[in-house]
């Protein structure tokens, strides 16, 4: 074995590639500071309970080891968002707070978003506002970040997991059934949903089927309002999407509505979004709302934010 070789899925930046990264990192931090987002630098390692919270997906991607000093189980951060939840809870007030970061993270394996196991995650998060204007603010900041990286045109996929959650509340599903159904929606698998509905009794099976196909332009929102007219929480979620879509209609960004969109991380509770470009096979940036994530730290707060792999995007030619 050649000792200079890096582990599989681990990469580095040197020379001009490192300079290109550093140049855009500085510009992004200046942009976020101008918008009122304070820079934070979370530690690489934390107690495992602080990193995992309630997400099985984060758990699977987190490297864990026993601390020889304290004897506690520690983890290397695989996602910055749980750390921001801890940092915000530590502030101990109800004011709106804005955070930004550019941090290297480490994952046990690459996923459907990051191309390597050692991305450098850049992002911004807004705490303390449950208003849809906060979601609009972070979406616009994400789009401005990609513009700074000279990536265009952008297609924005927009959804709201609260519609799915509102349906789930009306069903008597056990944990195994819920997990399976959730994964079907994460994969957008119509055949798997058909089989699931055949093998399980759901009160609103027709609405789950309808939800899976609600994808397209703004017209699907009116259709969704009709389908979910008897489910108040779903109606509110759809109305939030209408407000966001109306706001973005004045921009040069193409918006595609996908009401069946669920993120791999289970902590999302509302609006979710991803940015795409025709030259890339995966989403360039993604985010959403995750109210209550900080409850594990004794301070449940509304929150929304986005992130992307700056190391990867800074190397585009």
C-alpha atoms as a PDB file:
ATOM      1  CA  UNK A   1       0.000   0.000   0.000  1.00  0.00           C
ATOM      2  CA  UNK A   2       1.252   3.490  -0.861  1.00  0.00           C
ATOM      3  CA  UNK A   3       1.310   5.547   2.327  1.00  0.00           C
ATOM      4  CA  UNK A   4       0.506   8.786   0.488  1.00  0.00           C
ATOM      5  CA  UNK A   5      -2.840   7.507  -0.723  1.00  0.00           C
ATOM      6  CA  UNK A   6      -5.974   8.899   0.935  1.00  0.00           C
ATOM      7  CA  UNK A   7      -8.829   6.688   2.165  1.00  0.00           C
ATOM      8  CA  UNK A   8     -11.619   5.990  -0.299  1.00  0.00           C
ATOM      9  CA  UNK A   9     -14.032   8.918  -0.562  1.00  0.00           C
ATOM     10  CA  UNK A  10     -11.637  11.349   1.136  1.00  0.00           C
ATOM     11  CA  UNK A  11     -10.115  14.180  -0.881  1.00  0.00           C
ATOM     12  CA  UNK A  12      -8.096  17.362  -0.446  1.00  0.00           C
ATOM     13  CA  UNK A  13      -7.454  20.733  -2.101  1.00  0.00           C
ATOM     14  CA  UNK A  14      -3.977  22.006  -2.969  1.00  0.00           C
ATOM     15  CA  UNK A  15      -2.456  24.719  -5.137  1.00  0.00           C
ATOM     16  CA  UNK A  16      -4.862  26.633  -7.387  1.00  0.00           C
ATOM     17  CA  UNK A  17      -7.771  24.474  -6.258  1.00  0.00           C
ATOM     18  CA  UNK A  18      -7.197  25.506  -2.638  1.00  0.00           C
ATOM     19  CA  UNK A  19      -6.912  29.174  -3.652  1.00  0.00           C
ATOM     20  CA  UNK A  20     -10.152  28.975  -5.636  1.00  0.00           C
ATOM     21  CA  UNK A  21     -11.912  27.545  -2.594  1.00  0.00           C
ATOM     22  CA  UNK A  22     -10.524  30.185  -0.253  1.00  0.00           C
ATOM     23  CA  UNK A  23     -11.528  32.998  -2.598  1.00  0.00           C
ATOM     24  CA  UNK A  24     -15.203  32.007  -2.685  1.00  0.00           C
ATOM     25  CA  UNK A  25     -15.229  31.156   1.025  1.00  0.00           C
ATOM     26  CA  UNK A  26     -14.261  34.730   1.869  1.00  0.00           C
ATOM     27  CA  UNK A  27     -16.868  36.180  -0.494  1.00  0.00           C
ATOM     28  CA  UNK A  28     -19.610  33.987   0.951  1.00  0.00           C
ATOM     29  CA  UNK A  29     -18.789  34.872   4.558  1.00  0.00           C
ATOM     30  CA  UNK A  30     -18.824  38.570   3.628  1.00  0.00           C
ATOM     31  CA  UNK A  31     -22.199  38.097   1.907  1.00  0.00           C
ATOM     32  CA  UNK A  32     -23.697  36.322   4.913  1.00  0.00           C
ATOM     33  CA  UNK A  33     -22.326  38.974   7.287  1.00  0.00           C
ATOM     34  CA  UNK A  34     -23.944  41.709   5.173  1.00  0.00           C
ATOM     35  CA  UNK A  35     -27.263  39.858   5.511  1.00  0.00           C
ATOM     36  CA  UNK A  36     -26.932  39.704   9.300  1.00  0.00           C
ATOM     37  CA  UNK A  37     -25.819  36.067   9.651  1.00  0.00           C
ATOM     38  CA  UNK A  38     -23.164  35.613  12.358  1.00  0.00           C
ATOM     39  CA  UNK A  39     -20.259  33.260  11.636  1.00  0.00           C
ATOM     40  CA  UNK A  40     -19.939  30.240  13.938  1.00  0.00           C
ATOM     41  CA  UNK A  41     -17.270  27.529  13.932  1.00  0.00           C
ATOM     42  CA  UNK A  42     -18.651  24.410  15.649  1.00  0.00           C
ATOM     43  CA  UNK A  43     -16.183  21.828  16.992  1.00  0.00           C
ATOM     44  CA  UNK A  44     -15.262  18.818  14.891  1.00  0.00           C
ATOM     45  CA  UNK A  45     -16.107  16.438  17.750  1.00  0.00           C
ATOM     46  CA  UNK A  46     -18.988  16.436  20.243  1.00  0.00           C
ATOM     47  CA  UNK A  47     -20.765  14.130  22.647  1.00  0.00           C
ATOM     48  CA  UNK A  48     -22.692  11.728  20.464  1.00  0.00           C
ATOM     49  CA  UNK A  49     -26.070  12.714  21.945  1.00  0.00           C
ATOM     50  CA  UNK A  50     -25.594  16.301  20.739  1.00  0.00           C
ATOM     51  CA  UNK A  51     -24.842  15.240  17.178  1.00  0.00           C
ATOM     52  CA  UNK A  52     -27.489  12.609  16.509  1.00  0.00           C
ATOM     53  CA  UNK A  53     -30.598  14.049  18.151  1.00  0.00           C
ATOM     54  CA  UNK A  54     -33.578  12.228  16.585  1.00  0.00           C
ATOM     55  CA  UNK A  55     -32.163  11.451  13.153  1.00  0.00           C
ATOM     56  CA  UNK A  56     -31.401   7.859  12.196  1.00  0.00           C
ATOM     57  CA  UNK A  57     -29.910   9.140   8.930  1.00  0.00           C
ATOM     58  CA  UNK A  58     -27.367  11.315  10.756  1.00  0.00           C
ATOM     59  CA  UNK A  59     -26.626   8.392  13.084  1.00  0.00           C
ATOM     60  CA  UNK A  60     -25.743   6.130  10.164  1.00  0.00           C
ATOM     61  CA  UNK A  61     -23.347   8.711   8.708  1.00  0.00           C
ATOM     62  CA  UNK A  62     -21.544   9.608  11.942  1.00  0.00           C
ATOM     63  CA  UNK A  63     -18.123   8.256  12.893  1.00  0.00           C
ATOM     64  CA  UNK A  64     -18.144   7.346  16.594  1.00  0.00           C
ATOM     65  CA  UNK A  65     -15.353   6.578  19.044  1.00  0.00           C
ATOM     66  CA  UNK A  66     -14.751   6.254  22.777  1.00  0.00           C
ATOM     67  CA  UNK A  67     -13.085   9.278  24.367  1.00  0.00           C
ATOM     68  CA  UNK A  68     -10.080   8.050  26.405  1.00  0.00           C
ATOM     69  CA  UNK A  69     -10.284  11.160  28.626  1.00  0.00           C
ATOM     70  CA  UNK A  70     -13.951  11.134  29.665  1.00  0.00           C
ATOM     71  CA  UNK A  71     -14.905   7.575  28.786  1.00  0.00           C
ATOM     72  CA  UNK A  72     -17.907   8.942  26.855  1.00  0.00           C
ATOM     73  CA  UNK A  73     -18.911   8.132  23.287  1.00  0.00           C
ATOM     74  CA  UNK A  74     -18.005  10.967  20.938  1.00  0.00           C
ATOM     75  CA  UNK A  75     -18.783  11.599  17.289  1.00  0.00           C
ATOM     76  CA  UNK A  76     -17.266  13.515  14.379  1.00  0.00           C
ATOM     77  CA  UNK A  77     -19.844  15.893  12.944  1.00  0.00           C
ATOM     78  CA  UNK A  78     -21.516  14.580   9.776  1.00  0.00           C
ATOM     79  CA  UNK A  79     -23.982  17.485   9.591  1.00  0.00           C
ATOM     80  CA  UNK A  80     -23.651  20.980  11.058  1.00  0.00           C
ATOM     81  CA  UNK A  81     -27.372  21.625  11.631  1.00  0.00           C
ATOM     82  CA  UNK A  82     -27.654  19.709  14.944  1.00  0.00           C
ATOM     83  CA  UNK A  83     -24.697  21.719  16.236  1.00  0.00           C
ATOM     84  CA  UNK A  84     -26.356  25.003  15.300  1.00  0.00           C
ATOM     85  CA  UNK A  85     -29.418  23.824  17.251  1.00  0.00           C
ATOM     86  CA  UNK A  86     -27.209  23.376  20.321  1.00  0.00           C
ATOM     87  CA  UNK A  87     -25.482  26.744  19.818  1.00  0.00           C
ATOM     88  CA  UNK A  88     -28.816  28.535  19.474  1.00  0.00           C
ATOM     89  CA  UNK A  89     -30.311  26.817  22.526  1.00  0.00           C
ATOM     90  CA  UNK A  90     -27.286  27.936  24.524  1.00  0.00           C
ATOM     91  CA  UNK A  91     -28.182  31.588  23.812  1.00  0.00           C
ATOM     92  CA  UNK A  92     -31.314  31.140  25.920  1.00  0.00           C
ATOM     93  CA  UNK A  93     -33.561  33.835  24.451  1.00  0.00           C
ATOM     94  CA  UNK A  94     -36.533  34.158  22.099  1.00  0.00           C
ATOM     95  CA  UNK A  95     -35.009  36.625  19.652  1.00  0.00           C
ATOM     96  CA  UNK A  96     -34.513  35.878  15.971  1.00  0.00           C
ATOM     97  CA  UNK A  97     -30.958  34.653  15.474  1.00  0.00           C
ATOM     98  CA  UNK A  98     -29.025  34.072  12.243  1.00  0.00           C
ATOM     99  CA  UNK A  99     -25.976  31.842  11.847  1.00  0.00           C
ATOM    100  CA  UNK A 100     -23.623  30.938   9.003  1.00  0.00           C
ATOM    101  CA  UNK A 101     -20.749  28.478   8.737  1.00  0.00           C
ATOM    102  CA  UNK A 102     -18.147  26.923   6.443  1.00  0.00           C
ATOM    103  CA  UNK A 103     -16.946  23.704   8.070  1.00  0.00           C
ATOM    104  CA  UNK A 104     -15.392  20.436   6.970  1.00  0.00           C
ATOM    105  CA  UNK A 105     -17.550  17.456   7.926  1.00  0.00           C
ATOM    106  CA  UNK A 106     -16.961  13.716   7.765  1.00  0.00           C
ATOM    107  CA  UNK A 107     -19.420  10.987   6.817  1.00  0.00           C
ATOM    108  CA  UNK A 108     -19.135   7.219   7.007  1.00  0.00           C
ATOM    109  CA  UNK A 109     -20.221   7.085   3.367  1.00  0.00           C
ATOM    110  CA  UNK A 110     -21.140   9.426   0.531  1.00  0.00           C
ATOM    111  CA  UNK A 111     -24.871   9.988   0.071  1.00  0.00           C
ATOM    112  CA  UNK A 112     -27.247  11.232  -2.605  1.00  0.00           C
ATOM    113  CA  UNK A 113     -26.225  14.844  -1.932  1.00  0.00           C
ATOM    114  CA  UNK A 114     -22.503  14.953  -1.166  1.00  0.00           C
ATOM    115  CA  UNK A 115     -20.077  13.519  -3.702  1.00  0.00           C
ATOM    116  CA  UNK A 116     -17.367  12.645  -1.179  1.00  0.00           C
ATOM    117  CA  UNK A 117     -17.194  11.569   2.448  1.00  0.00           C
ATOM    118  CA  UNK A 118     -15.271  14.731   3.375  1.00  0.00           C
ATOM    119  CA  UNK A 119     -17.234  17.723   2.030  1.00  0.00           C
ATOM    120  CA  UNK A 120     -16.869  21.249   3.327  1.00  0.00           C
ATOM    121  CA  UNK A 121     -20.387  22.230   4.300  1.00  0.00           C
ATOM    122  CA  UNK A 122     -21.361  25.866   3.879  1.00  0.00           C
ATOM    123  CA  UNK A 123     -24.724  27.155   4.949  1.00  0.00           C
ATOM    124  CA  UNK A 124     -26.927  29.602   6.805  1.00  0.00           C
ATOM    125  CA  UNK A 125     -29.674  29.055   9.367  1.00  0.00           C
ATOM    126  CA  UNK A 126     -32.337  31.326  10.826  1.00  0.00           C
ATOM    127  CA  UNK A 127     -33.840  30.631  14.269  1.00  0.00           C
ATOM    128  CA  UNK A 128     -36.796  32.118  16.100  1.00  0.00           C
ATOM    129  CA  UNK A 129     -39.270  32.783  13.278  1.00  0.00           C
ATOM    130  CA  UNK A 130     -42.064  30.453  12.207  1.00  0.00           C
ATOM    131  CA  UNK A 131     -43.199  32.874   9.501  1.00  0.00           C
ATOM    132  CA  UNK A 132     -42.919  31.893   5.844  1.00  0.00           C
ATOM    133  CA  UNK A 133     -40.930  35.111   5.278  1.00  0.00           C
ATOM    134  CA  UNK A 134     -38.019  33.408   7.061  1.00  0.00           C
ATOM    135  CA  UNK A 135     -38.137  30.522   4.594  1.00  0.00           C
ATOM    136  CA  UNK A 136     -38.165  33.017   1.730  1.00  0.00           C
ATOM    137  CA  UNK A 137     -35.166  34.819   3.218  1.00  0.00           C
ATOM    138  CA  UNK A 138     -32.985  31.703   3.411  1.00  0.00           C
ATOM    139  CA  UNK A 139     -34.092  30.496  -0.046  1.00  0.00           C
ATOM    140  CA  UNK A 140     -33.143  33.850  -1.558  1.00  0.00           C
ATOM    141  CA  UNK A 141     -29.797  33.753   0.266  1.00  0.00           C
ATOM    142  CA  UNK A 142     -29.139  30.247  -1.069  1.00  0.00           C
ATOM    143  CA  UNK A 143     -29.894  31.404  -4.606  1.00  0.00           C
ATOM    144  CA  UNK A 144     -27.619  34.430  -4.141  1.00  0.00           C
ATOM    145  CA  UNK A 145     -24.853  32.093  -2.935  1.00  0.00           C
ATOM    146  CA  UNK A 146     -25.106  30.012  -6.102  1.00  0.00           C
ATOM    147  CA  UNK A 147     -25.154  33.193  -8.202  1.00  0.00           C
ATOM    148  CA  UNK A 148     -21.911  34.241  -6.527  1.00  0.00           C
ATOM    149  CA  UNK A 149     -20.478  30.895  -7.626  1.00  0.00           C
ATOM    150  CA  UNK A 150     -21.556  31.749 -11.207  1.00  0.00           C
ATOM    151  CA  UNK A 151     -23.932  28.786 -11.379  1.00  0.00           C
ATOM    152  CA  UNK A 152     -26.950  29.357 -13.602  1.00  0.00           C
ATOM    153  CA  UNK A 153     -29.638  28.777 -14.628  1.00  0.00           C
ATOM    154  CA  UNK A 154     -31.130  27.414 -11.431  1.00  0.00           C
ATOM    155  CA  UNK A 155     -34.172  25.174 -11.096  1.00  0.00           C
ATOM    156  CA  UNK A 156     -35.627  25.247  -7.589  1.00  0.00           C
ATOM    157  CA  UNK A 157     -37.575  22.216  -6.390  1.00  0.00           C
ATOM    158  CA  UNK A 158     -40.023  23.262  -3.674  1.00  0.00           C
ATOM    159  CA  UNK A 159     -42.122  21.103  -1.349  1.00  0.00           C
ATOM    160  CA  UNK A 160     -43.516  20.901   2.165  1.00  0.00           C
ATOM    161  CA  UNK A 161     -43.206  17.774   4.319  1.00  0.00           C
ATOM    162  CA  UNK A 162     -45.998  19.085   6.552  1.00  0.00           C
ATOM    163  CA  UNK A 163     -48.502  17.785   3.978  1.00  0.00           C
ATOM    164  CA  UNK A 164     -47.149  14.232   4.377  1.00  0.00           C
ATOM    165  CA  UNK A 165     -47.016  14.656   8.161  1.00  0.00           C
ATOM    166  CA  UNK A 166     -50.638  15.885   8.258  1.00  0.00           C
ATOM    167  CA  UNK A 167     -51.717  12.699   6.476  1.00  0.00           C
ATOM    168  CA  UNK A 168     -49.634  10.501   8.776  1.00  0.00           C
ATOM    169  CA  UNK A 169     -51.323  12.029  11.836  1.00  0.00           C
ATOM    170  CA  UNK A 170     -54.622  10.571  10.597  1.00  0.00           C
ATOM    171  CA  UNK A 171     -53.281   7.024  10.265  1.00  0.00           C
ATOM    172  CA  UNK A 172     -52.595   4.340  12.857  1.00  0.00           C
ATOM    173  CA  UNK A 173     -49.194   3.194  11.600  1.00  0.00           C
ATOM    174  CA  UNK A 174     -46.528   1.487  13.685  1.00  0.00           C
ATOM    175  CA  UNK A 175     -42.885   2.600  13.536  1.00  0.00           C
ATOM    176  CA  UNK A 176     -41.942   0.003  10.936  1.00  0.00           C
ATOM    177  CA  UNK A 177     -44.819   0.941   8.633  1.00  0.00           C
ATOM    178  CA  UNK A 178     -44.105   4.648   9.012  1.00  0.00           C
ATOM    179  CA  UNK A 179     -40.401   4.189   8.262  1.00  0.00           C
ATOM    180  CA  UNK A 180     -41.175   2.119   5.175  1.00  0.00           C
ATOM    181  CA  UNK A 181     -43.755   4.599   3.892  1.00  0.00           C
ATOM    182  CA  UNK A 182     -41.394   7.484   4.469  1.00  0.00           C
ATOM    183  CA  UNK A 183     -38.613   5.772   2.508  1.00  0.00           C
ATOM    184  CA  UNK A 184     -41.020   5.158  -0.365  1.00  0.00           C
ATOM    185  CA  UNK A 185     -41.669   8.904  -0.571  1.00  0.00           C
ATOM    186  CA  UNK A 186     -37.955   9.719  -0.197  1.00  0.00           C
ATOM    187  CA  UNK A 187     -37.339   7.500  -3.252  1.00  0.00           C
ATOM    188  CA  UNK A 188     -40.441   8.797  -5.080  1.00  0.00           C
ATOM    189  CA  UNK A 189     -41.327   5.192  -5.894  1.00  0.00           C
ATOM    190  CA  UNK A 190     -44.856   4.905  -7.270  1.00  0.00           C
ATOM    191  CA  UNK A 191     -44.667   1.079  -7.680  1.00  0.00           C
ATOM    192  CA  UNK A 192     -43.522   0.658  -4.058  1.00  0.00           C
ATOM    193  CA  UNK A 193     -46.335   2.912  -2.864  1.00  0.00           C
ATOM    194  CA  UNK A 194     -48.862   0.832  -4.800  1.00  0.00           C
ATOM    195  CA  UNK A 195     -47.619  -2.365  -3.132  1.00  0.00           C
ATOM    196  CA  UNK A 196     -47.571  -0.708   0.304  1.00  0.00           C
ATOM    197  CA  UNK A 197     -51.168   0.477  -0.028  1.00  0.00           C
ATOM    198  CA  UNK A 198     -52.241  -2.996  -1.170  1.00  0.00           C
ATOM    199  CA  UNK A 199     -50.634  -4.618   1.865  1.00  0.00           C
ATOM    200  CA  UNK A 200     -51.639  -2.053   4.495  1.00  0.00           C
ATOM    201  CA  UNK A 201     -54.976  -0.521   5.423  1.00  0.00           C
ATOM    202  CA  UNK A 202     -54.860   3.290   5.340  1.00  0.00           C
ATOM    203  CA  UNK A 203     -57.817   5.602   5.866  1.00  0.00           C
ATOM    204  CA  UNK A 204     -56.487   8.081   3.317  1.00  0.00           C
ATOM    205  CA  UNK A 205     -54.818   5.778   0.799  1.00  0.00           C
ATOM    206  CA  UNK A 206     -56.214   7.814  -2.092  1.00  0.00           C
ATOM    207  CA  UNK A 207     -54.636  10.994  -0.732  1.00  0.00           C
ATOM    208  CA  UNK A 208     -51.209   9.362  -0.379  1.00  0.00           C
ATOM    209  CA  UNK A 209     -51.469   8.270  -4.019  1.00  0.00           C
ATOM    210  CA  UNK A 210     -52.508  11.778  -5.031  1.00  0.00           C
ATOM    211  CA  UNK A 211     -49.660  13.331  -3.056  1.00  0.00           C
ATOM    212  CA  UNK A 212     -47.083  11.226  -4.887  1.00  0.00           C
ATOM    213  CA  UNK A 213     -48.107  12.667  -8.266  1.00  0.00           C
ATOM    214  CA  UNK A 214     -48.412  16.339  -7.222  1.00  0.00           C
ATOM    215  CA  UNK A 215     -45.407  17.638  -9.125  1.00  0.00           C
ATOM    216  CA  UNK A 216     -45.139  20.380 -11.722  1.00  0.00           C
ATOM    217  CA  UNK A 217     -45.832  24.103 -12.060  1.00  0.00           C
ATOM    218  CA  UNK A 218     -47.951  26.356  -9.827  1.00  0.00           C
ATOM    219  CA  UNK A 219     -51.117  24.640 -11.059  1.00  0.00           C
ATOM    220  CA  UNK A 220     -50.477  21.674  -8.756  1.00  0.00           C
ATOM    221  CA  UNK A 221     -50.944  23.954  -5.743  1.00  0.00           C
ATOM    222  CA  UNK A 222     -54.559  24.688  -6.636  1.00  0.00           C
ATOM    223  CA  UNK A 223     -55.103  20.985  -7.226  1.00  0.00           C
ATOM    224  CA  UNK A 224     -53.547  20.231  -3.848  1.00  0.00           C
ATOM    225  CA  UNK A 225     -55.832  22.700  -2.078  1.00  0.00           C
ATOM    226  CA  UNK A 226     -58.816  20.810  -3.479  1.00  0.00           C
ATOM    227  CA  UNK A 227     -57.466  17.357  -2.566  1.00  0.00           C
ATOM    228  CA  UNK A 228     -56.548  18.331   1.012  1.00  0.00           C
ATOM    229  CA  UNK A 229     -59.371  20.795   1.689  1.00  0.00           C
ATOM    230  CA  UNK A 230     -60.528  18.754   4.699  1.00  0.00           C
ATOM    231  CA  UNK A 231     -57.075  18.599   6.340  1.00  0.00           C
ATOM    232  CA  UNK A 232     -56.299  22.018   7.930  1.00  0.00           C
ATOM    233  CA  UNK A 233     -52.561  21.441   8.527  1.00  0.00           C
ATOM    234  CA  UNK A 234     -52.059  20.347   4.929  1.00  0.00           C
ATOM    235  CA  UNK A 235     -53.947  23.407   3.669  1.00  0.00           C
ATOM    236  CA  UNK A 236     -51.710  25.742   5.695  1.00  0.00           C
ATOM    237  CA  UNK A 237     -48.599  24.010   4.311  1.00  0.00           C
ATOM    238  CA  UNK A 238     -49.850  24.420   0.737  1.00  0.00           C
ATOM    239  CA  UNK A 239     -50.710  28.079   1.325  1.00  0.00           C
ATOM    240  CA  UNK A 240     -47.114  28.650   2.502  1.00  0.00           C
ATOM    241  CA  UNK A 241     -45.884  27.172  -0.781  1.00  0.00           C
ATOM    242  CA  UNK A 242     -48.187  29.523  -2.688  1.00  0.00           C
ATOM    243  CA  UNK A 243     -46.654  32.527  -0.879  1.00  0.00           C
ATOM    244  CA  UNK A 244     -43.095  31.364  -1.615  1.00  0.00           C
ATOM    245  CA  UNK A 245     -43.872  30.583  -5.241  1.00  0.00           C
ATOM    246  CA  UNK A 246     -45.493  34.010  -5.703  1.00  0.00           C
ATOM    247  CA  UNK A 247     -42.410  35.709  -4.247  1.00  0.00           C
ATOM    248  CA  UNK A 248     -40.000  33.782  -6.474  1.00  0.00           C
ATOM    249  CA  UNK A 249     -42.080  34.264  -9.612  1.00  0.00           C
ATOM    250  CA  UNK A 250     -40.479  37.683 -10.070  1.00  0.00           C
ATOM    251  CA  UNK A 251     -36.990  36.140 -10.296  1.00  0.00           C
ATOM    252  CA  UNK A 252     -35.236  34.324 -13.142  1.00  0.00           C
ATOM    253  CA  UNK A 253     -35.351  31.042 -11.210  1.00  0.00           C
ATOM    254  CA  UNK A 254     -37.555  28.240 -12.514  1.00  0.00           C
ATOM    255  CA  UNK A 255     -39.647  26.798  -9.695  1.00  0.00           C
ATOM    256  CA  UNK A 256     -40.889  23.198  -9.792  1.00  0.00           C
ATOM    257  CA  UNK A 257     -43.363  22.142  -7.113  1.00  0.00           C
ATOM    258  CA  UNK A 258     -42.944  18.653  -5.653  1.00  0.00           C
ATOM    259  CA  UNK A 259     -45.348  18.086  -2.780  1.00  0.00           C
ATOM    260  CA  UNK A 260     -44.145  14.504  -2.251  1.00  0.00           C
ATOM    261  CA  UNK A 261     -40.585  15.666  -1.553  1.00  0.00           C
ATOM    262  CA  UNK A 262     -39.125  14.352   1.707  1.00  0.00           C
ATOM    263  CA  UNK A 263     -35.509  14.834   2.745  1.00  0.00           C
ATOM    264  CA  UNK A 264     -33.304  11.979   3.941  1.00  0.00           C
ATOM    265  CA  UNK A 265     -32.890  13.731   7.301  1.00  0.00           C
ATOM    266  CA  UNK A 266     -36.046  13.105   9.328  1.00  0.00           C
ATOM    267  CA  UNK A 267     -35.838  16.356  11.279  1.00  0.00           C
ATOM    268  CA  UNK A 268     -37.496  18.500   8.576  1.00  0.00           C
ATOM    269  CA  UNK A 269     -41.000  19.638   9.542  1.00  0.00           C
ATOM    270  CA  UNK A 270     -42.139  22.075   6.843  1.00  0.00           C
ATOM    271  CA  UNK A 271     -40.952  23.728   3.643  1.00  0.00           C
ATOM    272  CA  UNK A 272     -38.117  21.858   1.891  1.00  0.00           C
ATOM    273  CA  UNK A 273     -36.190  22.940  -1.188  1.00  0.00           C
ATOM    274  CA  UNK A 274     -33.316  21.953  -3.483  1.00  0.00           C
ATOM    275  CA  UNK A 275     -31.443  23.834  -6.218  1.00  0.00           C
ATOM    276  CA  UNK A 276     -30.482  22.138  -9.484  1.00  0.00           C
ATOM    277  CA  UNK A 277     -28.560  22.981 -12.644  1.00  0.00           C
ATOM    278  CA  UNK A 278     -28.599  21.034 -15.907  1.00  0.00           C
ATOM    279  CA  UNK A 279     -24.831  20.458 -15.742  1.00  0.00           C
ATOM    280  CA  UNK A 280     -24.989  18.577 -12.433  1.00  0.00           C
ATOM    281  CA  UNK A 281     -26.502  15.172 -11.691  1.00  0.00           C
ATOM    282  CA  UNK A 282     -27.275  15.997  -8.041  1.00  0.00           C
ATOM    283  CA  UNK A 283     -28.793  18.892  -6.145  1.00  0.00           C
ATOM    284  CA  UNK A 284     -26.327  21.770  -5.714  1.00  0.00           C
ATOM    285  CA  UNK A 285     -27.824  23.047  -2.473  1.00  0.00           C
ATOM    286  CA  UNK A 286     -30.721  22.066  -0.277  1.00  0.00           C
ATOM    287  CA  UNK A 287     -32.512  22.985   2.900  1.00  0.00           C
ATOM    288  CA  UNK A 288     -35.788  23.415   4.675  1.00  0.00           C
ATOM    289  CA  UNK A 289     -37.608  24.040   7.926  1.00  0.00           C
ATOM    290  CA  UNK A 290     -36.887  22.010  11.071  1.00  0.00           C
ATOM    291  CA  UNK A 291     -38.929  23.409  13.951  1.00  0.00           C
ATOM    292  CA  UNK A 292     -38.230  21.838  17.305  1.00  0.00           C
ATOM    293  CA  UNK A 293     -34.842  20.321  16.478  1.00  0.00           C
ATOM    294  CA  UNK A 294     -33.344  22.154  19.448  1.00  0.00           C
ATOM    295  CA  UNK A 295     -35.907  20.614  21.868  1.00  0.00           C
ATOM    296  CA  UNK A 296     -33.261  18.061  22.881  1.00  0.00           C
ATOM    297  CA  UNK A 297     -31.344  20.966  24.414  1.00  0.00           C
ATOM    298  CA  UNK A 298     -34.361  22.225  26.365  1.00  0.00           C
ATOM    299  CA  UNK A 299     -35.225  25.065  24.004  1.00  0.00           C
ATOM    300  CA  UNK A 300     -37.619  24.213  21.165  1.00  0.00           C
ATOM    301  CA  UNK A 301     -37.284  26.861  18.460  1.00  0.00           C
ATOM    302  CA  UNK A 302     -38.567  27.430  14.942  1.00  0.00           C
ATOM    303  CA  UNK A 303     -35.734  27.183  12.428  1.00  0.00           C
ATOM    304  CA  UNK A 304     -35.008  27.114   8.714  1.00  0.00           C
ATOM    305  CA  UNK A 305     -31.798  26.983   6.693  1.00  0.00           C
ATOM    306  CA  UNK A 306     -29.777  25.574   3.805  1.00  0.00           C
ATOM    307  CA  UNK A 307     -26.377  24.050   3.058  1.00  0.00           C
ATOM    308  CA  UNK A 308     -24.142  22.912   0.194  1.00  0.00           C
ATOM    309  CA  UNK A 309     -20.687  21.461  -0.454  1.00  0.00           C
ATOM    310  CA  UNK A 310     -18.482  24.502  -1.039  1.00  0.00           C
ATOM    311  CA  UNK A 311     -15.402  22.379  -1.676  1.00  0.00           C
ATOM    312  CA  UNK A 312     -17.145  20.714  -4.614  1.00  0.00           C
ATOM    313  CA  UNK A 313     -18.837  23.799  -6.060  1.00  0.00           C
ATOM    314  CA  UNK A 314     -15.724  25.957  -5.773  1.00  0.00           C
ATOM    315  CA  UNK A 315     -13.920  23.658  -8.226  1.00  0.00           C
ATOM    316  CA  UNK A 316     -16.316  24.046 -11.167  1.00  0.00           C
ATOM    317  CA  UNK A 317     -14.608  25.231 -14.375  1.00  0.00           C
END
